[in-house]
Protein backbone atom coordinates (compact mmCIF):
# COMPACT_ATOMS: atom_id res chain seq x y z
CA MET A 1 -19.63 -11.13 15.65
CA LYS A 2 -17.20 -13.68 16.14
CA LYS A 3 -13.44 -12.82 16.91
CA PRO A 4 -10.97 -14.46 14.16
CA LEU A 5 -8.95 -17.33 15.73
CA LEU A 6 -5.40 -16.72 16.03
CA SER A 7 -2.90 -19.81 15.09
CA ILE A 8 0.07 -20.27 17.28
CA ASP A 9 2.36 -19.04 14.65
CA GLU A 10 0.95 -15.69 14.34
CA PRO A 11 1.85 -13.05 16.87
CA GLU A 12 -0.90 -11.48 18.82
CA PRO A 13 -1.54 -8.00 17.35
CA LYS A 14 0.18 -5.07 19.42
CA LYS A 15 -2.07 -2.12 20.98
CA ALA A 16 -1.12 1.16 19.38
CA PRO A 17 0.33 3.73 21.75
CA ARG A 18 -2.17 6.39 22.65
CA ALA A 19 -1.06 9.96 21.46
CA ASP A 20 -2.78 11.64 24.49
CA ARG A 21 -0.93 9.78 27.22
CA PRO A 22 2.70 10.25 27.94
CA PRO A 23 4.93 7.06 27.61
CA THR A 24 6.01 5.28 30.90
CA GLU A 25 9.46 4.33 30.06
CA GLY A 26 12.42 5.55 28.01
CA PHE A 27 13.01 9.07 26.44
CA VAL A 28 10.64 10.86 24.02
CA VAL A 29 11.27 13.75 21.70
CA VAL A 30 8.53 16.42 21.97
CA VAL A 31 7.79 18.64 19.06
CA ASP A 32 5.54 21.63 19.79
CA GLY A 33 3.87 19.99 22.83
CA HIS A 34 3.29 16.66 20.75
CA PHE A 35 4.98 13.31 21.68
CA LYS A 36 6.86 12.04 18.52
CA SER A 37 9.78 9.54 18.73
CA GLU A 38 10.58 7.09 21.51
CA PHE A 39 14.20 6.18 22.41
CA ALA A 40 15.82 3.78 25.06
CA THR A 41 18.59 6.36 25.83
CA ALA A 42 18.82 10.11 26.51
CA GLU A 43 21.73 10.39 24.12
CA ALA A 44 19.89 8.95 21.17
CA ALA A 45 16.84 11.07 21.83
CA GLU A 46 19.05 14.30 22.24
CA ALA A 47 20.84 13.20 18.68
CA SER A 48 17.67 12.92 16.85
CA ALA A 49 16.36 16.17 18.46
CA ARG A 50 19.31 17.99 17.55
CA LYS A 51 19.21 16.98 14.03
CA LEU A 52 15.48 17.89 13.83
CA LYS A 53 16.25 21.29 15.49
CA SER A 54 19.05 22.04 12.87
CA ALA A 55 16.81 21.23 9.84
CA TYR A 56 13.72 23.04 11.73
CA PRO A 57 14.91 25.83 13.91
CA MET A 58 11.57 27.44 14.35
CA LEU A 59 10.22 24.24 16.32
CA GLN A 60 10.15 24.09 20.16
CA ILE A 61 11.68 20.65 20.77
CA GLU A 62 12.02 19.09 24.32
CA ILE A 63 13.18 15.84 25.64
CA TYR A 64 11.00 13.96 27.82
CA ASN A 65 12.21 11.47 30.49
CA ALA A 66 9.52 9.10 31.21
CA ALA A 67 11.10 7.85 34.40
CA THR A 68 11.14 11.30 36.00
CA MET A 69 8.46 12.85 34.19
CA VAL A 70 10.60 16.00 33.33
CA ARG A 71 10.73 17.76 30.03
CA THR A 72 14.16 19.41 29.12
CA LEU A 73 14.01 22.08 26.51
CA LEU A 74 16.54 21.82 23.76
CA SER A 75 18.31 25.11 23.08
């Protein structure tokens, strides 16, 4: 099967991030052990996590720092 030719104007399709591998940069909200949303800063990730925790207090929410590979439990 031949691959379709991409014109110069069309951007190359992005590879979807794999759900079973942790990200390599930034901060990620982890909900019940599953990686969910990625953020550039810890403050943005924590704000999103606190909003989620206030709406759903039964969830276990962590902030994952990809640079240090450390998870911090949100209390």
